[in-house]
């Protein structure tokens, strides 16, 4: 029987541990998903991970990044 894949939450927690960061809170996950949805639906799907990556590099809060995504 194939090994079960981890849930998204489990995978993110494991990745966060490996990169030395705290995993996002449930509220942060919701905001990130909203940011990704705005990017993907306003442009092309691959804009979603790039927008989240950029947001993480800016030092802005997720709320600020989300508002800027709405304006883009």
C-alpha atoms as a PDB file:
ATOM      1  CA  UNK A   1       0.000   0.000   0.000  1.00  0.00           C
ATOM      2  CA  UNK A   2       1.419   3.427  -0.949  1.00  0.00           C
ATOM      3  CA  UNK A   3       2.409   5.785   1.830  1.00  0.00           C
ATOM      4  CA  UNK A   4      -0.201   8.452   2.535  1.00  0.00           C
ATOM      5  CA  UNK A   5       0.739  11.968   1.583  1.00  0.00           C
ATOM      6  CA  UNK A   6       0.827  14.537   4.369  1.00  0.00           C
ATOM      7  CA  UNK A   7      -1.956  17.109   4.518  1.00  0.00           C
ATOM      8  CA  UNK A   8      -1.164  20.611   3.325  1.00  0.00           C
ATOM      9  CA  UNK A   9      -0.943  21.763   6.936  1.00  0.00           C
ATOM     10  CA  UNK A  10       1.470  18.958   7.802  1.00  0.00           C
ATOM     11  CA  UNK A  11       3.627  19.634   4.741  1.00  0.00           C
ATOM     12  CA  UNK A  12       3.768  23.379   5.422  1.00  0.00           C
ATOM     13  CA  UNK A  13       4.687  22.746   9.063  1.00  0.00           C
ATOM     14  CA  UNK A  14       7.483  20.380   8.019  1.00  0.00           C
ATOM     15  CA  UNK A  15       8.764  22.835   5.409  1.00  0.00           C
ATOM     16  CA  UNK A  16       8.603  25.719   7.889  1.00  0.00           C
ATOM     17  CA  UNK A  17      10.663  23.691  10.338  1.00  0.00           C
ATOM     18  CA  UNK A  18      13.268  22.891   7.676  1.00  0.00           C
ATOM     19  CA  UNK A  19      13.646  26.533   6.611  1.00  0.00           C
ATOM     20  CA  UNK A  20      13.684  27.772  10.215  1.00  0.00           C
ATOM     21  CA  UNK A  21      10.388  29.638  10.211  1.00  0.00           C
ATOM     22  CA  UNK A  22       7.103  29.435  12.051  1.00  0.00           C
ATOM     23  CA  UNK A  23       4.248  28.009   9.992  1.00  0.00           C
ATOM     24  CA  UNK A  24       1.467  30.460   9.182  1.00  0.00           C
ATOM     25  CA  UNK A  25      -1.475  30.753  11.532  1.00  0.00           C
ATOM     26  CA  UNK A  26      -4.926  29.784  10.230  1.00  0.00           C
ATOM     27  CA  UNK A  27      -5.724  33.498   9.751  1.00  0.00           C
ATOM     28  CA  UNK A  28      -2.489  34.012   7.810  1.00  0.00           C
ATOM     29  CA  UNK A  29      -3.291  30.990   5.640  1.00  0.00           C
ATOM     30  CA  UNK A  30      -6.674  32.516   4.760  1.00  0.00           C
ATOM     31  CA  UNK A  31      -5.061  35.846   3.859  1.00  0.00           C
ATOM     32  CA  UNK A  32      -2.367  34.160   1.772  1.00  0.00           C
ATOM     33  CA  UNK A  33      -4.984  32.119  -0.073  1.00  0.00           C
ATOM     34  CA  UNK A  34      -6.956  35.280  -0.779  1.00  0.00           C
ATOM     35  CA  UNK A  35      -3.800  37.004  -2.027  1.00  0.00           C
ATOM     36  CA  UNK A  36      -3.025  34.010  -4.243  1.00  0.00           C
ATOM     37  CA  UNK A  37      -6.577  33.956  -5.596  1.00  0.00           C
ATOM     38  CA  UNK A  38      -6.444  37.639  -6.494  1.00  0.00           C
ATOM     39  CA  UNK A  39      -3.132  37.179  -8.297  1.00  0.00           C
ATOM     40  CA  UNK A  40      -4.267  34.045 -10.133  1.00  0.00           C
ATOM     41  CA  UNK A  41      -7.614  35.448 -11.216  1.00  0.00           C
ATOM     42  CA  UNK A  42      -6.259  38.864 -12.173  1.00  0.00           C
ATOM     43  CA  UNK A  43      -3.503  37.450 -14.359  1.00  0.00           C
ATOM     44  CA  UNK A  44      -2.306  33.893 -14.858  1.00  0.00           C
ATOM     45  CA  UNK A  45      -2.227  31.072 -12.322  1.00  0.00           C
ATOM     46  CA  UNK A  46       1.525  31.181 -11.856  1.00  0.00           C
ATOM     47  CA  UNK A  47       1.203  34.759 -10.568  1.00  0.00           C
ATOM     48  CA  UNK A  48      -0.195  33.336  -7.305  1.00  0.00           C
ATOM     49  CA  UNK A  49       2.979  31.781  -5.867  1.00  0.00           C
ATOM     50  CA  UNK A  50       5.065  34.660  -7.171  1.00  0.00           C
ATOM     51  CA  UNK A  51       2.819  37.222  -5.464  1.00  0.00           C
ATOM     52  CA  UNK A  52       3.041  35.317  -2.182  1.00  0.00           C
ATOM     53  CA  UNK A  53       6.828  35.083  -2.520  1.00  0.00           C
ATOM     54  CA  UNK A  54       7.056  38.823  -3.160  1.00  0.00           C
ATOM     55  CA  UNK A  55       4.775  39.591  -0.230  1.00  0.00           C
ATOM     56  CA  UNK A  56       7.012  37.557   2.044  1.00  0.00           C
ATOM     57  CA  UNK A  57      10.102  39.467   0.980  1.00  0.00           C
ATOM     58  CA  UNK A  58       8.760  42.980   1.478  1.00  0.00           C
ATOM     59  CA  UNK A  59       8.405  43.232   5.240  1.00  0.00           C
ATOM     60  CA  UNK A  60       4.814  44.401   4.773  1.00  0.00           C
ATOM     61  CA  UNK A  61       2.040  42.760   6.755  1.00  0.00           C
ATOM     62  CA  UNK A  62      -0.161  40.270   4.962  1.00  0.00           C
ATOM     63  CA  UNK A  63      -3.041  42.725   5.235  1.00  0.00           C
ATOM     64  CA  UNK A  64      -0.948  45.402   3.494  1.00  0.00           C
ATOM     65  CA  UNK A  65       0.126  42.967   0.787  1.00  0.00           C
ATOM     66  CA  UNK A  66      -3.473  41.880   0.249  1.00  0.00           C
ATOM     67  CA  UNK A  67      -4.619  45.477  -0.133  1.00  0.00           C
ATOM     68  CA  UNK A  68      -1.840  46.175  -2.635  1.00  0.00           C
ATOM     69  CA  UNK A  69      -2.799  43.034  -4.581  1.00  0.00           C
ATOM     70  CA  UNK A  70      -6.357  44.321  -4.806  1.00  0.00           C
ATOM     71  CA  UNK A  71      -5.001  47.579  -6.259  1.00  0.00           C
ATOM     72  CA  UNK A  72      -2.682  45.896  -8.748  1.00  0.00           C
END
